Structures are given as C-alpha cells and as structure tokens.
C-alpha cells in the first residue's frame, strides 16, 4: 500500500484499511491530523479536504424567461 489522495474514506497507507467512520475524525480543511489505524495500529498523517459544490434546479411552475 502507499499514500492516497482525495479518497472518500481514510485509507491506511500501511495496510489499506478503509475507515468507514472517517467523518468522526475532527479537523478542518487542510488541517493535518495524526491518527492510529484501527486495524494495524500504525500511526499515519491525515488531512481532511473539504470541497463545496452547488446544484440549481428550475422551480416547478416558473415561467421560461431567458430561454
């Protein structure tokens, strides 16, 4: 195993364990945390990368202005 980037769960770079409770770990965007793998016990560094996106939809019954 090795380093991982931008995964949806914390993945141990030593044993590959995926932590399904990654959301429980604190830390803000880009803050580096030192955590122990719950499976193999190795200490790893982890950063949480937060990305905000938006979606928009037409409101039902609204007129079609600008189309």
N, C-alpha and C. Protein backbone atom coordinates (compact mmCIF):
# COMPACT_ATOMS: atom_id res chain seq x y z
N UNK A 1 0.86 -1.18 0.00
CA UNK A 1 0.00 0.00 0.00
C UNK A 1 0.89 1.23 0.00
N UNK A 2 0.33 2.37 -0.15
CA UNK A 2 1.09 3.61 -0.14
C UNK A 2 0.17 4.79 0.13
N UNK A 3 0.69 5.97 -0.13
CA UNK A 3 -0.08 7.19 0.11
C UNK A 3 -1.32 7.22 -0.78
N UNK A 4 -2.38 7.86 -0.28
CA UNK A 4 -3.60 8.05 -1.06
C UNK A 4 -3.99 9.52 -1.01
N UNK A 5 -4.70 9.98 -2.02
CA UNK A 5 -5.17 11.37 -2.05
C UNK A 5 -6.62 11.42 -2.49
N UNK A 6 -7.38 12.29 -1.87
CA UNK A 6 -8.76 12.61 -2.25
C UNK A 6 -9.66 11.38 -2.33
N UNK A 7 -9.60 10.52 -1.31
CA UNK A 7 -10.49 9.37 -1.21
C UNK A 7 -11.70 9.76 -0.36
N UNK A 8 -12.78 9.00 -0.46
CA UNK A 8 -13.98 9.33 0.31
C UNK A 8 -13.89 8.83 1.76
N UNK A 9 -12.94 7.96 2.05
CA UNK A 9 -12.71 7.46 3.41
C UNK A 9 -11.22 7.56 3.71
N UNK A 10 -10.88 7.54 5.00
CA UNK A 10 -9.47 7.48 5.38
C UNK A 10 -8.97 6.08 5.05
N UNK A 11 -7.87 6.00 4.30
CA UNK A 11 -7.28 4.72 3.91
C UNK A 11 -5.88 4.63 4.52
N UNK A 12 -5.64 3.58 5.28
CA UNK A 12 -4.33 3.41 5.92
C UNK A 12 -3.27 3.17 4.84
N UNK A 13 -2.20 3.98 4.83
CA UNK A 13 -1.15 3.78 3.83
C UNK A 13 -0.26 2.57 4.11
N UNK A 14 -0.45 1.94 5.27
CA UNK A 14 0.35 0.76 5.63
C UNK A 14 -0.35 -0.54 5.27
N UNK A 15 -1.64 -0.66 5.65
CA UNK A 15 -2.34 -1.94 5.44
C UNK A 15 -3.52 -1.83 4.48
N UNK A 16 -3.91 -0.61 4.09
CA UNK A 16 -5.01 -0.43 3.14
C UNK A 16 -6.40 -0.42 3.76
N UNK A 17 -6.48 -0.49 5.08
CA UNK A 17 -7.79 -0.48 5.76
C UNK A 17 -8.52 0.82 5.46
N UNK A 18 -9.81 0.71 5.05
CA UNK A 18 -10.66 1.89 4.82
C UNK A 18 -11.53 2.09 6.05
N UNK A 19 -11.44 3.26 6.66
CA UNK A 19 -12.20 3.55 7.86
C UNK A 19 -13.56 4.12 7.47
N UNK A 20 -14.62 3.34 7.67
CA UNK A 20 -15.97 3.77 7.29
C UNK A 20 -16.54 4.85 8.20
N UNK A 21 -15.86 5.16 9.28
CA UNK A 21 -16.29 6.22 10.19
C UNK A 21 -15.37 7.43 10.10
N UNK A 22 -14.84 7.69 8.92
CA UNK A 22 -13.89 8.79 8.73
C UNK A 22 -14.46 10.14 9.15
N UNK A 23 -15.78 10.31 9.00
CA UNK A 23 -16.42 11.58 9.34
C UNK A 23 -16.27 11.91 10.82
N UNK A 24 -16.01 10.89 11.67
CA UNK A 24 -15.89 11.12 13.11
C UNK A 24 -14.60 11.85 13.49
N UNK A 25 -13.58 11.77 12.64
CA UNK A 25 -12.32 12.43 12.95
C UNK A 25 -12.49 13.93 12.75
N UNK A 26 -11.97 14.70 13.67
CA UNK A 26 -12.09 16.15 13.58
C UNK A 26 -11.17 16.72 12.52
N UNK A 27 -10.95 17.99 12.61
CA UNK A 27 -10.04 18.64 11.68
C UNK A 27 -10.78 19.46 10.65
N UNK A 28 -10.25 20.63 10.41
CA UNK A 28 -10.81 21.49 9.39
C UNK A 28 -10.14 21.25 8.05
N UNK A 29 -10.51 22.02 7.08
CA UNK A 29 -9.96 21.87 5.74
C UNK A 29 -8.45 22.06 5.75
N UNK A 30 -7.73 21.03 5.33
CA UNK A 30 -6.28 21.09 5.23
C UNK A 30 -5.53 20.88 6.54
N UNK A 31 -6.24 20.77 7.66
CA UNK A 31 -5.57 20.56 8.95
C UNK A 31 -5.01 19.14 9.01
N UNK A 32 -3.75 19.01 9.38
CA UNK A 32 -3.11 17.70 9.44
C UNK A 32 -3.36 17.05 10.80
N UNK A 33 -3.85 15.81 10.77
CA UNK A 33 -4.12 15.04 11.98
C UNK A 33 -3.18 13.84 12.03
N UNK A 34 -2.80 13.45 13.22
CA UNK A 34 -2.02 12.23 13.42
C UNK A 34 -2.96 11.22 14.06
N UNK A 35 -3.23 10.12 13.34
CA UNK A 35 -4.18 9.12 13.84
C UNK A 35 -3.58 7.73 13.72
N UNK A 36 -4.10 6.82 14.54
CA UNK A 36 -3.66 5.42 14.50
C UNK A 36 -4.68 4.60 13.74
N UNK A 37 -4.20 3.71 12.89
CA UNK A 37 -5.07 2.82 12.14
C UNK A 37 -5.74 1.85 13.11
N UNK A 38 -7.08 1.72 13.05
CA UNK A 38 -7.77 0.80 13.96
C UNK A 38 -7.49 -0.67 13.65
N UNK A 39 -6.93 -0.97 12.48
CA UNK A 39 -6.66 -2.36 12.11
C UNK A 39 -5.22 -2.77 12.44
N UNK A 40 -4.22 -2.02 11.91
CA UNK A 40 -2.82 -2.43 12.10
C UNK A 40 -2.10 -1.65 13.20
N UNK A 41 -2.70 -0.53 13.65
CA UNK A 41 -2.12 0.24 14.74
C UNK A 41 -1.03 1.23 14.34
N UNK A 42 -0.65 1.26 13.06
CA UNK A 42 0.38 2.21 12.61
C UNK A 42 -0.16 3.64 12.69
N UNK A 43 0.73 4.58 12.96
CA UNK A 43 0.36 5.99 13.01
C UNK A 43 0.52 6.59 11.63
N UNK A 44 -0.49 7.34 11.20
CA UNK A 44 -0.45 7.98 9.88
C UNK A 44 -0.83 9.44 10.02
N UNK A 45 -0.48 10.22 9.03
CA UNK A 45 -0.90 11.61 8.94
C UNK A 45 -2.08 11.68 7.99
N UNK A 46 -3.06 12.50 8.34
CA UNK A 46 -4.28 12.59 7.55
C UNK A 46 -4.72 14.05 7.47
N UNK A 47 -5.15 14.48 6.31
CA UNK A 47 -5.75 15.80 6.17
C UNK A 47 -7.14 15.63 5.58
N UNK A 48 -8.07 16.45 6.06
CA UNK A 48 -9.43 16.46 5.52
C UNK A 48 -9.49 17.55 4.46
N UNK A 49 -9.94 17.18 3.27
CA UNK A 49 -10.07 18.12 2.16
C UNK A 49 -11.55 18.37 1.93
N UNK A 50 -11.97 19.59 2.17
CA UNK A 50 -13.39 19.92 2.05
C UNK A 50 -13.62 20.67 0.75
N UNK A 51 -14.60 20.18 -0.02
CA UNK A 51 -14.97 20.82 -1.28
C UNK A 51 -16.47 21.09 -1.24
N UNK A 52 -16.84 22.31 -1.52
CA UNK A 52 -18.26 22.67 -1.52
C UNK A 52 -18.70 22.87 -2.96
N UNK A 53 -19.81 22.24 -3.31
CA UNK A 53 -20.38 22.42 -4.64
C UNK A 53 -21.85 22.79 -4.50
N UNK A 54 -22.41 23.36 -5.54
CA UNK A 54 -23.82 23.76 -5.53
C UNK A 54 -24.52 23.18 -6.74
N UNK A 55 -25.80 22.90 -6.58
CA UNK A 55 -26.66 22.46 -7.69
C UNK A 55 -27.87 23.38 -7.71
N UNK A 56 -28.35 23.70 -8.89
CA UNK A 56 -29.55 24.52 -9.01
C UNK A 56 -30.54 23.83 -9.93
N UNK A 57 -31.83 24.07 -9.68
CA UNK A 57 -32.90 23.45 -10.46
C UNK A 57 -33.98 24.50 -10.69
N UNK A 58 -34.65 24.36 -11.81
CA UNK A 58 -35.77 25.27 -12.07
C UNK A 58 -36.92 24.95 -11.14
N UNK A 59 -37.54 25.99 -10.64
CA UNK A 59 -38.68 25.83 -9.76
C UNK A 59 -39.89 25.45 -10.60
N UNK A 60 -40.59 24.42 -10.18
CA UNK A 60 -41.76 23.95 -10.91
C UNK A 60 -42.79 25.06 -11.02
N UNK A 61 -43.32 25.26 -12.22
CA UNK A 61 -44.33 26.29 -12.44
C UNK A 61 -43.76 27.65 -12.77
N UNK A 62 -42.45 27.82 -12.71
CA UNK A 62 -41.84 29.12 -13.05
C UNK A 62 -41.89 29.31 -14.55
N UNK A 63 -41.97 30.57 -14.99
CA UNK A 63 -42.00 30.81 -16.43
C UNK A 63 -40.63 30.56 -17.04
N UNK A 64 -40.57 30.51 -18.34
CA UNK A 64 -39.36 30.15 -19.07
C UNK A 64 -38.58 31.38 -19.54
N UNK A 65 -38.50 32.43 -18.76
CA UNK A 65 -37.78 33.63 -19.16
C UNK A 65 -36.34 33.31 -19.52
N UNK A 66 -35.85 33.96 -20.53
CA UNK A 66 -34.45 33.82 -20.91
C UNK A 66 -34.13 32.54 -21.66
N UNK A 67 -35.12 31.77 -22.04
CA UNK A 67 -34.85 30.52 -22.76
C UNK A 67 -35.05 30.70 -24.23
